[in-house]
Amino acid sequence: MVPPEMARILWHNGGLDDFRHRVRGRRPDLDALLEALRAAGERWASADRGSVEAEAPEATPEWLSTSEVASRVGLTTRAVVLAIGEKRLSAEWSSGRWMVSREELEHFKAARAGRRA
């Protein structure tokens, strides 16, 4: 059994939608499983959980993964994680991975440019 929140993460960040399109119709049991994951994730996302806490950031246009940051800055993913660990880059830990806001990415790029000058 997959918890609904994990189903949502797998669906949106794990590429399951693309996978579903590639294998659709080949195995009815796989089609049903993927649809159940999608539906559970969507129900979780639309549920009113009554929490006043902000939801953890997902990979959206406002939030970037460490690999996305690395490609935009010209570093390795490991170097980005090191910068986070050294507090040179602010990030949020979400669902087992670091997420960096676009605003923080811009600050980081400016700081790197300032060190090179």
PDB file of N, CA and C in Angstrom:
ATOM      1  N   MET A   1       0.844  -1.166   0.000  1.00  0.00           N
ATOM      2  CA  MET A   1       0.000   0.000   0.000  1.00  0.00           C
ATOM      3  C   MET A   1       0.898   1.242   0.000  1.00  0.00           C
ATOM      4  N   VAL A   2       0.554   2.205  -0.806  1.00  0.00           N
ATOM      5  CA  VAL A   2       1.319   3.446  -0.906  1.00  0.00           C
ATOM      6  C   VAL A   2       0.490   4.567  -0.266  1.00  0.00           C
ATOM      7  N   PRO A   3       1.046   5.277   0.711  1.00  0.00           N
ATOM      8  CA  PRO A   3       0.308   6.397   1.303  1.00  0.00           C
ATOM      9  C   PRO A   3      -0.021   7.442   0.224  1.00  0.00           C
ATOM     10  N   PRO A   4      -1.187   8.093   0.332  1.00  0.00           N
ATOM     11  CA  PRO A   4      -1.602   9.051  -0.694  1.00  0.00           C
ATOM     12  C   PRO A   4      -0.592  10.166  -0.955  1.00  0.00           C
ATOM     13  N   GLU A   5       0.047  10.674   0.096  1.00  0.00           N
ATOM     14  CA  GLU A   5       1.037  11.737  -0.117  1.00  0.00           C
ATOM     15  C   GLU A   5       2.204  11.224  -0.958  1.00  0.00           C
ATOM     16  N   MET A   6       2.636   9.989  -0.696  1.00  0.00           N
ATOM     17  CA  MET A   6       3.729   9.403  -1.477  1.00  0.00           C
ATOM     18  C   MET A   6       3.279   9.151  -2.913  1.00  0.00           C
ATOM     19  N   ALA A   7       2.026   8.764  -3.095  1.00  0.00           N
ATOM     20  CA  ALA A   7       1.497   8.575  -4.451  1.00  0.00           C
ATOM     21  C   ALA A   7       1.569   9.882  -5.227  1.00  0.00           C
ATOM     22  N   ARG A   8       1.235  10.983  -4.571  1.00  0.00           N
ATOM     23  CA  ARG A   8       1.291  12.308  -5.209  1.00  0.00           C
ATOM     24  C   ARG A   8       2.725  12.648  -5.610  1.00  0.00           C
ATOM     25  N   ILE A   9       3.664  12.394  -4.708  1.00  0.00           N
ATOM     26  CA  ILE A   9       5.069  12.695  -4.992  1.00  0.00           C
ATOM     27  C   ILE A   9       5.577  11.826  -6.143  1.00  0.00           C
ATOM     28  N   LEU A  10       5.276  10.533  -6.083  1.00  0.00           N
ATOM     29  CA  LEU A  10       5.710   9.642  -7.160  1.00  0.00           C
ATOM     30  C   LEU A  10       5.130  10.070  -8.502  1.00  0.00           C
ATOM     31  N   TRP A  11       3.857  10.443  -8.488  1.00  0.00           N
ATOM     32  CA  TRP A  11       3.197  10.805  -9.739  1.00  0.00           C
ATOM     33  C   TRP A  11       3.824  12.060 -10.349  1.00  0.00           C
ATOM     34  N   HIS A  12       4.021  13.091  -9.525  1.00  0.00           N
ATOM     35  CA  HIS A  12       4.474  14.365 -10.058  1.00  0.00           C
ATOM     36  C   HIS A  12       5.985  14.486 -10.191  1.00  0.00           C
ATOM     37  N   ASN A  13       6.735  13.797  -9.354  1.00  0.00           N
ATOM     38  CA  ASN A  13       8.185  13.939  -9.400  1.00  0.00           C
ATOM     39  C   ASN A  13       8.890  12.695  -9.910  1.00  0.00           C
ATOM     40  N   GLY A  14       8.163  11.618 -10.059  1.00  0.00           N
ATOM     41  CA  GLY A  14       8.774  10.365 -10.471  1.00  0.00           C
ATOM     42  C   GLY A  14       8.537   9.996 -11.918  1.00  0.00           C
ATOM     43  N   GLY A  15       7.848  10.851 -12.668  1.00  0.00           N
ATOM     44  CA  GLY A  15       7.646  10.594 -14.085  1.00  0.00           C
ATOM     45  C   GLY A  15       6.627   9.508 -14.392  1.00  0.00           C
ATOM     46  N   LEU A  16       5.734   9.227 -13.440  1.00  0.00           N
ATOM     47  CA  LEU A  16       4.772   8.152 -13.670  1.00  0.00           C
ATOM     48  C   LEU A  16       3.739   8.486 -14.747  1.00  0.00           C
ATOM     49  N   ASP A  17       3.440   9.758 -14.933  1.00  0.00           N
ATOM     50  CA  ASP A  17       2.484  10.125 -15.976  1.00  0.00           C
ATOM     51  C   ASP A  17       3.042   9.743 -17.355  1.00  0.00           C
ATOM     52  N   ASP A  18       4.303  10.066 -17.602  1.00  0.00           N
ATOM     53  CA  ASP A  18       4.930   9.688 -18.879  1.00  0.00           C
ATOM     54  C   ASP A  18       4.977   8.166 -19.032  1.00  0.00           C
ATOM     55  N   PHE A  19       5.332   7.497 -17.940  1.00  0.00           N
ATOM     56  CA  PHE A  19       5.378   6.036 -17.972  1.00  0.00           C
ATOM     57  C   PHE A  19       4.008   5.459 -18.305  1.00  0.00           C
ATOM     58  N   ARG A  20       2.969   6.017 -17.685  1.00  0.00           N
ATOM     59  CA  ARG A  20       1.605   5.527 -17.936  1.00  0.00           C
ATOM     60  C   ARG A  20       1.249   5.654 -19.410  1.00  0.00           C
ATOM     61  N   HIS A  21       1.643   6.764 -20.026  1.00  0.00           N
ATOM     62  CA  HIS A  21       1.335   6.961 -21.445  1.00  0.00           C
ATOM     63  C   HIS A  21       2.097   5.964 -22.328  1.00  0.00           C
ATOM     64  N   ARG A  22       3.318   5.617 -21.927  1.00  0.00           N
ATOM     65  CA  ARG A  22       4.115   4.677 -22.718  1.00  0.00           C
ATOM     66  C   ARG A  22       3.590   3.253 -22.647  1.00  0.00           C
ATOM     67  N   VAL A  23       3.038   2.851 -21.516  1.00  0.00           N
ATOM     68  CA  VAL A  23       2.629   1.453 -21.347  1.00  0.00           C
ATOM     69  C   VAL A  23       1.124   1.243 -21.392  1.00  0.00           C
ATOM     70  N   ARG A  24       0.366   2.298 -21.598  1.00  0.00           N
ATOM     71  CA  ARG A  24      -1.097   2.201 -21.567  1.00  0.00           C
ATOM     72  C   ARG A  24      -1.592   1.119 -22.520  1.00  0.00           C
ATOM     73  N   GLY A  25      -2.471   0.265 -22.003  1.00  0.00           N
ATOM     74  CA  GLY A  25      -3.106  -0.762 -22.815  1.00  0.00           C
ATOM     75  C   GLY A  25      -2.333  -2.062 -22.909  1.00  0.00           C
ATOM     76  N   ARG A  26      -1.104  -2.090 -22.465  1.00  0.00           N
ATOM     77  CA  ARG A  26      -0.317  -3.322 -22.558  1.00  0.00           C
ATOM     78  C   ARG A  26      -0.720  -4.330 -21.487  1.00  0.00           C
ATOM     79  N   ARG A  27      -0.977  -3.810 -20.277  1.00  0.00           N
ATOM     80  CA  ARG A  27      -1.371  -4.680 -19.165  1.00  0.00           C
ATOM     81  C   ARG A  27      -2.464  -3.987 -18.376  1.00  0.00           C
ATOM     82  N   PRO A  28      -3.664  -4.533 -18.384  1.00  0.00           N
ATOM     83  CA  PRO A  28      -4.763  -3.909 -17.649  1.00  0.00           C
ATOM     84  C   PRO A  28      -4.471  -3.751 -16.159  1.00  0.00           C
ATOM     85  N   ASP A  29      -3.756  -4.708 -15.561  1.00  0.00           N
ATOM     86  CA  ASP A  29      -3.467  -4.599 -14.132  1.00  0.00           C
ATOM     87  C   ASP A  29      -2.516  -3.432 -13.859  1.00  0.00           C
ATOM     88  N   LEU A  30      -1.553  -3.181 -14.748  1.00  0.00           N
ATOM     89  CA  LEU A  30      -0.645  -2.048 -14.592  1.00  0.00           C
ATOM     90  C   LEU A  30      -1.398  -0.736 -14.817  1.00  0.00           C
ATOM     91  N   ASP A  31      -2.294  -0.718 -15.798  1.00  0.00           N
ATOM     92  CA  ASP A  31      -3.124   0.470 -16.026  1.00  0.00           C
ATOM     93  C   ASP A  31      -3.924   0.808 -14.764  1.00  0.00           C
ATOM     94  N   ALA A  32      -4.514  -0.209 -14.140  1.00  0.00           N
ATOM     95  CA  ALA A  32      -5.327   0.006 -12.945  1.00  0.00           C
ATOM     96  C   ALA A  32      -4.469   0.497 -11.781  1.00  0.00           C
ATOM     97  N   LEU A  33      -3.286  -0.063 -11.619  1.00  0.00           N
ATOM     98  CA  LEU A  33      -2.385   0.353 -10.547  1.00  0.00           C
ATOM     99  C   LEU A  33      -1.974   1.815 -10.715  1.00  0.00           C
ATOM    100  N   LEU A  34      -1.582   2.181 -11.916  1.00  0.00           N
ATOM    101  CA  LEU A  34      -1.156   3.564 -12.161  1.00  0.00           C
ATOM    102  C   LEU A  34      -2.311   4.542 -11.974  1.00  0.00           C
ATOM    103  N   GLU A  35      -3.495   4.159 -12.393  1.00  0.00           N
ATOM    104  CA  GLU A  35      -4.665   5.020 -12.198  1.00  0.00           C
ATOM    105  C   GLU A  35      -4.971   5.171 -10.716  1.00  0.00           C
ATOM    106  N   ALA A  36      -4.824   4.095  -9.949  1.00  0.00           N
ATOM    107  CA  ALA A  36      -5.071   4.169  -8.507  1.00  0.00           C
ATOM    108  C   ALA A  36      -4.062   5.102  -7.839  1.00  0.00           C
ATOM    109  N   LEU A  37      -2.801   5.047  -8.238  1.00  0.00           N
ATOM    110  CA  LEU A  37      -1.786   5.956  -7.698  1.00  0.00           C
ATOM    111  C   LEU A  37      -2.131   7.405  -8.028  1.00  0.00           C
ATOM    112  N   ARG A  38      -2.490   7.645  -9.280  1.00  0.00           N
ATOM    113  CA  ARG A  38      -2.840   9.006  -9.697  1.00  0.00           C
ATOM    114  C   ARG A  38      -4.025   9.528  -8.897  1.00  0.00           C
ATOM    115  N   ALA A  39      -5.067   8.722  -8.796  1.00  0.00           N
ATOM    116  CA  ALA A  39      -6.283   9.145  -8.103  1.00  0.00           C
ATOM    117  C   ALA A  39      -6.021   9.380  -6.614  1.00  0.00           C
ATOM    118  N   ALA A  40      -5.248   8.502  -5.977  1.00  0.00           N
ATOM    119  CA  ALA A  40      -4.943   8.675  -4.556  1.00  0.00           C
ATOM    120  C   ALA A  40      -4.153   9.957  -4.333  1.00  0.00           C
ATOM    121  N   GLY A  41      -3.194  10.217  -5.188  1.00  0.00           N
ATOM    122  CA  GLY A  41      -2.405  11.442  -5.072  1.00  0.00           C
ATOM    123  C   GLY A  41      -3.241  12.687  -5.281  1.00  0.00           C
ATOM    124  N   GLU A  42      -4.139  12.649  -6.233  1.00  0.00           N
ATOM    125  CA  GLU A  42      -5.004  13.796  -6.494  1.00  0.00           C
ATOM    126  C   GLU A  42      -5.970  14.032  -5.336  1.00  0.00           C
ATOM    127  N   ARG A  43      -6.519  12.952  -4.780  1.00  0.00           N
ATOM    128  CA  ARG A  43      -7.405  13.104  -3.623  1.00  0.00           C
ATOM    129  C   ARG A  43      -6.650  13.716  -2.446  1.00  0.00           C
ATOM    130  N   TRP A  44      -5.412  13.251  -2.231  1.00  0.00           N
ATOM    131  CA  TRP A  44      -4.620  13.796  -1.130  1.00  0.00           C
ATOM    132  C   TRP A  44      -4.355  15.281  -1.361  1.00  0.00           C
ATOM    133  N   ALA A  45      -4.019  15.656  -2.585  1.00  0.00           N
ATOM    134  CA  ALA A  45      -3.687  17.049  -2.883  1.00  0.00           C
ATOM    135  C   ALA A  45      -4.889  17.968  -2.723  1.00  0.00           C
ATOM    136  N   SER A  46      -6.082  17.454  -3.002  1.00  0.00           N
ATOM    137  CA  SER A  46      -7.264  18.309  -2.933  1.00  0.00           C
ATOM    138  C   SER A  46      -7.969  18.244  -1.576  1.00  0.00           C
ATOM    139  N   ALA A  47      -7.496  17.372  -0.689  1.00  0.00           N
ATOM    140  CA  ALA A  47      -8.142  17.213   0.619  1.00  0.00           C
ATOM    141  C   ALA A  47      -7.841  18.398   1.524  1.00  0.00           C
ATOM    142  N   ASP A  48      -8.837  18.757   2.313  1.00  0.00           N
ATOM    143  CA  ASP A  48      -8.648  19.793   3.332  1.00  0.00           C
ATOM    144  C   ASP A  48      -8.153  19.076   4.579  1.00  0.00           C
ATOM    145  N   ARG A  49      -6.869  19.210   4.843  1.00  0.00           N
ATOM    146  CA  ARG A  49      -6.272  18.504   5.962  1.00  0.00           C
ATOM    147  C   ARG A  49      -6.347  19.311   7.247  1.00  0.00           C
ATOM    148  N   GLY A  50      -6.923  20.486   7.192  1.00  0.00           N
ATOM    149  CA  GLY A  50      -7.121  21.281   8.384  1.00  0.00           C
ATOM    150  C   GLY A  50      -5.843  21.794   9.009  1.00  0.00           C
ATOM    151  N   SER A  51      -4.768  21.775   8.298  1.00  0.00           N
ATOM    152  CA  SER A  51      -3.485  22.204   8.833  1.00  0.00           C
ATOM    153  C   SER A  51      -3.252  23.676   8.514  1.00  0.00           C
ATOM    154  N   VAL A  52      -2.668  24.367   9.472  1.00  0.00           N
ATOM    155  CA  VAL A  52      -2.318  25.762   9.219  1.00  0.00           C
ATOM    156  C   VAL A  52      -0.877  25.878   8.740  1.00  0.00           C
ATOM    157  N   GLU A  53      -0.154  24.742   8.730  1.00  0.00           N
ATOM    158  CA  GLU A  53       1.213  24.757   8.235  1.00  0.00           C
ATOM    159  C   GLU A  53       1.204  24.851   6.719  1.00  0.00           C
ATOM    160  N   ALA A  54       2.210  25.498   6.196  1.00  0.00           N
ATOM    161  CA  ALA A  54       2.364  25.548   4.747  1.00  0.00           C
ATOM    162  C   ALA A  54       2.797  24.175   4.252  1.00  0.00           C
ATOM    163  N   GLU A  55       2.308  23.796   3.081  1.00  0.00           N
ATOM    164  CA  GLU A  55       2.716  22.531   2.498  1.00  0.00           C
ATOM    165  C   GLU A  55       4.181  22.600   2.116  1.00  0.00           C
ATOM    166  N   ALA A  56       4.826  21.461   2.170  1.00  0.00           N
ATOM    167  CA  ALA A  56       6.217  21.392   1.736  1.00  0.00           C
ATOM    168  C   ALA A  56       6.271  21.685   0.243  1.00  0.00           C
ATOM    169  N   PRO A  57       7.301  22.380  -0.189  1.00  0.00           N
ATOM    170  CA  PRO A  57       7.378  22.729  -1.604  1.00  0.00           C
ATOM    171  C   PRO A  57       7.571  21.510  -2.490  1.00  0.00           C
ATOM    172  N   GLU A  58       6.934  21.517  -3.631  1.00  0.00           N
ATOM    173  CA  GLU A  58       7.117  20.491  -4.646  1.00  0.00           C
ATOM    174  C   GLU A  58       7.967  21.087  -5.753  1.00  0.00           C
ATOM    175  N   ALA A  59       8.390  20.246  -6.665  1.00  0.00           N
ATOM    176  CA  ALA A  59       9.118  20.748  -7.815  1.00  0.00           C
ATOM    177  C   ALA A  59       8.120  21.508  -8.690  1.00  0.00           C
ATOM    178  N   THR A  60       8.115  22.788  -8.586  1.00  0.00           N
ATOM    179  CA  THR A  60       7.243  23.656  -9.354  1.00  0.00           C
ATOM    180  C   THR A  60       8.112  24.724  -9.980  1.00  0.00           C
ATOM    181  N   PRO A  61       7.534  25.593 -10.779  1.00  0.00           N
ATOM    182  CA  PRO A  61       8.344  26.670 -11.326  1.00  0.00           C
ATOM    183  C   PRO A  61       9.005  27.539 -10.248  1.00  0.00           C
ATOM    184  N   GLU A  62       8.433  27.563  -9.036  1.00  0.00           N
ATOM    185  CA  GLU A  62       9.010  28.364  -7.962  1.00  0.00           C
ATOM    186  C   GLU A  62      10.113  27.636  -7.208  1.00  0.00           C
ATOM    187  N   TRP A  63      10.120  26.316  -7.258  1.00  0.00           N
ATOM    188  CA  TRP A  63      11.081  25.507  -6.507  1.00  0.00           C
ATOM    189  C   TRP A  63      11.849  24.617  -7.460  1.00  0.00           C
ATOM    190  N   LEU A  64      13.145  24.485  -7.221  1.00  0.00           N
ATOM    191  CA  LEU A  64      14.008  23.708  -8.098  1.00  0.00           C
ATOM    192  C   LEU A  64      14.727  22.626  -7.295  1.00  0.00           C
ATOM    193  N   SER A  65      14.951  21.490  -7.924  1.00  0.00           N
ATOM    194  CA  SER A  65      15.715  20.419  -7.292  1.00  0.00           C
ATOM    195  C   SER A  65      17.201  20.766  -7.357  1.00  0.00           C
ATOM    196  N   THR A  66      18.013  20.039  -6.622  1.00  0.00           N
ATOM    197  CA  THR A  66      19.450  20.305  -6.637  1.00  0.00           C
ATOM    198  C   THR A  66      20.047  20.063  -8.023  1.00  0.00           C
ATOM    199  N   SER A  67      19.530  19.101  -8.749  1.00  0.00           N
ATOM    200  CA  SER A  67      20.054  18.855 -10.096  1.00  0.00           C
ATOM    201  C   SER A  67      19.676  19.994 -11.046  1.00  0.00           C
ATOM    202  N   GLU A  68      18.471  20.547 -10.876  1.00  0.00           N
ATOM    203  CA  GLU A  68      18.084  21.700 -11.698  1.00  0.00           C
ATOM    204  C   GLU A  68      18.951  22.913 -11.370  1.00  0.00           C
ATOM    205  N   VAL A  69      19.212  23.127 -10.083  1.00  0.00           N
ATOM    206  CA  VAL A  69      20.077  24.235  -9.673  1.00  0.00           C
ATOM    207  C   VAL A  69      21.469  24.029 -10.256  1.00  0.00           C
ATOM    208  N   ALA A  70      21.985  22.812 -10.150  1.00  0.00           N
ATOM    209  CA  ALA A  70      23.326  22.510 -10.657  1.00  0.00           C
ATOM    210  C   ALA A  70      23.442  22.839 -12.144  1.00  0.00           C
ATOM    211  N   SER A  71      22.453  22.454 -12.926  1.00  0.00           N
ATOM    212  CA  SER A  71      22.527  22.715 -14.364  1.00  0.00           C
ATOM    213  C   SER A  71      22.420  24.205 -14.682  1.00  0.00           C
ATOM    214  N   ARG A  72      21.704  24.961 -13.871  1.00  0.00           N
ATOM    215  CA  ARG A  72      21.560  26.399 -14.114  1.00  0.00           C
ATOM    216  C   ARG A  72      22.785  27.193 -13.685  1.00  0.00           C
ATOM    217  N   VAL A  73      23.552  26.637 -12.753  1.00  0.00           N
ATOM    218  CA  VAL A  73      24.708  27.361 -12.217  1.00  0.00           C
ATOM    219  C   VAL A  73      26.016  26.826 -12.801  1.00  0.00           C
ATOM    220  N   GLY A  74      25.980  25.645 -13.394  1.00  0.00           N
ATOM    221  CA  GLY A  74      27.199  25.062 -13.942  1.00  0.00           C
ATOM    222  C   GLY A  74      28.024  24.334 -12.905  1.00  0.00           C
ATOM    223  N   LEU A  75      27.358  23.710 -11.941  1.00  0.00           N
ATOM    224  CA  LEU A  75      28.017  22.930 -10.898  1.00  0.00           C
ATOM    225  C   LEU A  75      27.509  21.503 -10.955  1.00  0.00           C
ATOM    226  N   THR A  76      28.130  20.645 -10.177  1.00  0.00           N
ATOM    227  CA  THR A  76      27.588  19.296 -10.014  1.00  0.00           C
ATOM    228  C   THR A  76      26.511  19.333  -8.934  1.00  0.00           C
ATOM    229  N   THR A  77      25.663  18.330  -8.931  1.00  0.00           N
ATOM    230  CA  THR A  77      24.643  18.227  -7.884  1.00  0.00           C
ATOM    231  C   THR A  77      25.306  18.117  -6.515  1.00  0.00           C
ATOM    232  N   ARG A  78      26.403  17.394  -6.452  1.00  0.00           N
ATOM    233  CA  ARG A  78      27.132  17.250  -5.190  1.00  0.00           C
ATOM    234  C   ARG A  78      27.624  18.602  -4.685  1.00  0.00           C
ATOM    235  N   ALA A  79      28.103  19.461  -5.579  1.00  0.00           N
ATOM    236  CA  ALA A  79      28.573  20.792  -5.182  1.00  0.00           C
ATOM    237  C   ALA A  79      27.415  21.643  -4.661  1.00  0.00           C
ATOM    238  N   VAL A  80      26.234  21.491  -5.249  1.00  0.00           N
ATOM    239  CA  VAL A  80      25.061  22.229  -4.772  1.00  0.00           C
ATOM    240  C   VAL A  80      24.681  21.767  -3.369  1.00  0.00           C
ATOM    241  N   VAL A  81      24.682  20.457  -3.141  1.00  0.00           N
ATOM    242  CA  VAL A  81      24.359  19.923  -1.815  1.00  0.00           C
ATOM    243  C   VAL A  81      25.402  20.399  -0.797  1.00  0.00           C
ATOM    244  N   LEU A  82      26.661  20.443  -1.190  1.00  0.00           N
ATOM    245  CA  LEU A  82      27.713  20.950  -0.304  1.00  0.00           C
ATOM    246  C   LEU A  82      27.456  22.417   0.044  1.00  0.00           C
ATOM    247  N   ALA A  83      27.071  23.228  -0.945  1.00  0.00           N
ATOM    248  CA  ALA A  83      26.761  24.641  -0.697  1.00  0.00           C
ATOM    249  C   ALA A  83      25.592  24.773   0.278  1.00  0.00           C
ATOM    250  N   ILE A  84      24.617  23.897   0.168  1.00  0.00           N
ATOM    251  CA  ILE A  84      23.491  23.906   1.111  1.00  0.00           C
ATOM    252  C   ILE A  84      23.998  23.563   2.507  1.00  0.00           C
ATOM    253  N   GLY A  85      24.818  22.522   2.607  1.00  0.00           N
ATOM    254  CA  GLY A  85      25.365  22.108   3.897  1.00  0.00           C
ATOM    255  C   GLY A  85      26.229  23.176   4.543  1.00  0.00           C
ATOM    256  N   GLU A  86      26.924  23.966   3.720  1.00  0.00           N
ATOM    257  CA  GLU A  86      27.777  25.041   4.227  1.00  0.00           C
ATOM    258  C   GLU A  86      27.014  26.349   4.414  1.00  0.00           C
ATOM    259  N   LYS A  87      25.703  26.299   4.219  1.00  0.00           N
ATOM    260  CA  LYS A  87      24.822  27.472   4.410  1.00  0.00           C
ATOM    261  C   LYS A  87      25.102  28.600   3.417  1.00  0.00           C
ATOM    262  N   ARG A  88      25.726  28.265   2.273  1.00  0.00           N
ATOM    263  CA  ARG A  88      25.922  29.270   1.231  1.00  0.00           C
ATOM    264  C   ARG A  88      24.707  29.347   0.313  1.00  0.00           C
ATOM    265  N   LEU A  89      23.859  28.332   0.389  1.00  0.00           N
ATOM    266  CA  LEU A  89      22.635  28.273  -0.408  1.00  0.00           C
ATOM    267  C   LEU A  89      21.520  27.783   0.497  1.00  0.00           C
ATOM    268  N   SER A  90      20.456  28.573   0.629  1.00  0.00           N
ATOM    269  CA  SER A  90      19.314  28.183   1.460  1.00  0.00           C
ATOM    270  C   SER A  90      18.410  27.246   0.675  1.00  0.00           C
ATOM    271  N   ALA A  91      17.909  26.226   1.363  1.00  0.00           N
ATOM    272  CA  ALA A  91      17.034  25.255   0.722  1.00  0.00           C
ATOM    273  C   ALA A  91      16.076  24.686   1.758  1.00  0.00           C
ATOM    274  N   GLU A  92      15.010  24.078   1.270  1.00  0.00           N
ATOM    275  CA  GLU A  92      14.011  23.417   2.105  1.00  0.00           C
ATOM    276  C   GLU A  92      14.123  21.916   1.880  1.00  0.00           C
ATOM    277  N   TRP A  93      14.079  21.135   2.943  1.00  0.00           N
ATOM    278  CA  TRP A  93      14.062  19.681   2.840  1.00  0.00           C
ATOM    279  C   TRP A  93      12.620  19.250   2.661  1.00  0.00           C
ATOM    280  N   SER A  94      12.310  18.613   1.547  1.00  0.00           N
ATOM    281  CA  SER A  94      10.933  18.231   1.247  1.00  0.00           C
ATOM    282  C   SER A  94      10.893  16.835   0.655  1.00  0.00           C
ATOM    283  N   SER A  95      10.192  15.950   1.316  1.00  0.00           N
ATOM    284  CA  SER A  95       9.978  14.591   0.807  1.00  0.00           C
ATOM    285  C   SER A  95      11.292  13.908   0.450  1.00  0.00           C
ATOM    286  N   GLY A  96      12.283  14.088   1.299  1.00  0.00           N
ATOM    287  CA  GLY A  96      13.535  13.385   1.112  1.00  0.00           C
ATOM    288  C   GLY A  96      14.515  14.018   0.142  1.00  0.00           C
ATOM    289  N   ARG A  97      14.302  15.278  -0.202  1.00  0.00           N
ATOM    290  CA  ARG A  97      15.262  15.949  -1.085  1.00  0.00           C
ATOM    291  C   ARG A  97      15.260  17.439  -0.849  1.00  0.00           C
ATOM    292  N   TRP A  98      16.342  18.079  -1.218  1.00  0.00           N
ATOM    293  CA  TRP A  98      16.458  19.525  -1.075  1.00  0.00           C
ATOM    294  C   TRP A  98      15.758  20.221  -2.222  1.00  0.00           C
ATOM    295  N   MET A  99      15.029  21.294  -1.903  1.00  0.00           N
ATOM    296  CA  MET A  99      14.378  22.126  -2.913  1.00  0.00           C
ATOM    297  C   MET A  99      14.833  23.563  -2.679  1.00  0.00           C
ATOM    298  N   VAL A 100      15.168  24.252  -3.760  1.00  0.00           N
ATOM    299  CA  VAL A 100      15.705  25.609  -3.687  1.00  0.00           C
ATOM    300  C   VAL A 100      14.729  26.547  -4.397  1.00  0.00           C
ATOM    301  N   SER A 101      14.397  27.651  -3.747  1.00  0.00           N
ATOM    302  CA  SER A 101      13.499  28.617  -4.383  1.00  0.00           C
ATOM    303  C   SER A 101      14.259  29.370  -5.461  1.00  0.00           C
ATOM    304  N   ARG A 102      13.531  29.853  -6.447  1.00  0.00           N
ATOM    305  CA  ARG A 102      14.158  30.649  -7.509  1.00  0.00           C
ATOM    306  C   ARG A 102      14.848  31.882  -6.929  1.00  0.00           C
ATOM    307  N   GLU A 103      14.230  32.471  -5.930  1.00  0.00           N
ATOM    308  CA  GLU A 103      14.812  33.661  -5.300  1.00  0.00           C
ATOM    309  C   GLU A 103      16.159  33.325  -4.664  1.00  0.00           C
ATOM    310  N   GLU A 104      16.231  32.211  -3.945  1.00  0.00           N
ATOM    311  CA  GLU A 104      17.497  31.799  -3.332  1.00  0.00           C
ATOM    312  C   GLU A 104      18.539  31.464  -4.386  1.00  0.00           C
ATOM    313  N   LEU A 105      18.097  30.884  -5.488  1.00  0.00           N
ATOM    314  CA  LEU A 105      19.028  30.594  -6.583  1.00  0.00           C
ATOM    315  C   LEU A 105      19.654  31.886  -7.106  1.00  0.00           C
ATOM    316  N   GLU A 106      18.845  32.913  -7.273  1.00  0.00           N
ATOM    317  CA  GLU A 106      19.371  34.198  -7.757  1.00  0.00           C
ATOM    318  C   GLU A 106      20.366  34.798  -6.770  1.00  0.00           C
ATOM    319  N   HIS A 107      20.089  34.707  -5.469  1.00  0.00           N
ATOM    320  CA  HIS A 107      21.030  35.190  -4.452  1.00  0.00           C
ATOM    321  C   HIS A 107      22.343  34.418  -4.529  1.00  0.00           C
ATOM    322  N   PHE A 108      22.235  33.112  -4.692  1.00  0.00           N
ATOM    323  CA  PHE A 108      23.418  32.263  -4.770  1.00  0.00           C
ATOM    324  C   PHE A 108      24.257  32.624  -5.996  1.00  0.00           C
ATOM    325  N   LYS A 109      23.600  32.803  -7.132  1.00  0.00           N
ATOM    326  CA  LYS A 109      24.327  33.168  -8.355  1.00  0.00           C
ATOM    327  C   LYS A 109      25.024  34.510  -8.192  1.00  0.00           C
ATOM    328  N   ALA A 110      24.356  35.470  -7.570  1.00  0.00           N
ATOM    329  CA  ALA A 110      24.958  36.790  -7.353  1.00  0.00           C
ATOM    330  C   ALA A 110      26.165  36.691  -6.429  1.00  0.00           C
ATOM    331  N   ALA A 111      26.051  35.883  -5.386  1.00  0.00           N
ATOM    332  CA  ALA A 111      27.174  35.704  -4.452  1.00  0.00           C
ATOM    333  C   ALA A 111      28.351  35.039  -5.155  1.00  0.00           C
ATOM    334  N   ARG A 112      28.082  34.066  -5.998  1.00  0.00           N
ATOM    335  CA  ARG A 112      29.168  33.403  -6.758  1.00  0.00           C
ATOM    336  C   ARG A 112      29.824  34.385  -7.703  1.00  0.00           C
ATOM    337  N   ALA A 113      29.039  35.224  -8.356  1.00  0.00           N
ATOM    338  CA  ALA A 113      29.594  36.212  -9.291  1.00  0.00           C
ATOM    339  C   ALA A 113      30.448  37.215  -8.529  1.00  0.00           C
ATOM    340  N   GLY A 114      30.024  37.583  -7.315  1.00  0.00           N
ATOM    341  CA  GLY A 114      30.774  38.526  -6.490  1.00  0.00           C
ATOM    342  C   GLY A 114      32.106  37.967  -6.044  1.00  0.00           C
ATOM    343  N   ARG A 115      32.160  36.662  -5.784  1.00  0.00           N
ATOM    344  CA  ARG A 115      33.429  36.033  -5.371  1.00  0.00           C
ATOM    345  C   ARG A 115      34.415  35.949  -6.520  1.00  0.00           C
ATOM    346  N   ARG A 116      33.898  35.791  -7.741  1.00  0.00           N
ATOM    347  CA  ARG A 116      34.776  35.680  -8.905  1.00  0.00           C
ATOM    348  C   ARG A 116      35.329  37.019  -9.345  1.00  0.00           C
ATOM    349  N   ALA A 117      34.632  38.106  -8.981  1.00  0.00           N
ATOM    350  CA  ALA A 117      35.043  39.441  -9.442  1.00  0.00           C
ATOM    351  C   ALA A 117      36.229  39.966  -8.666  1.00  0.00           C
TER     352      ALA A 117
END
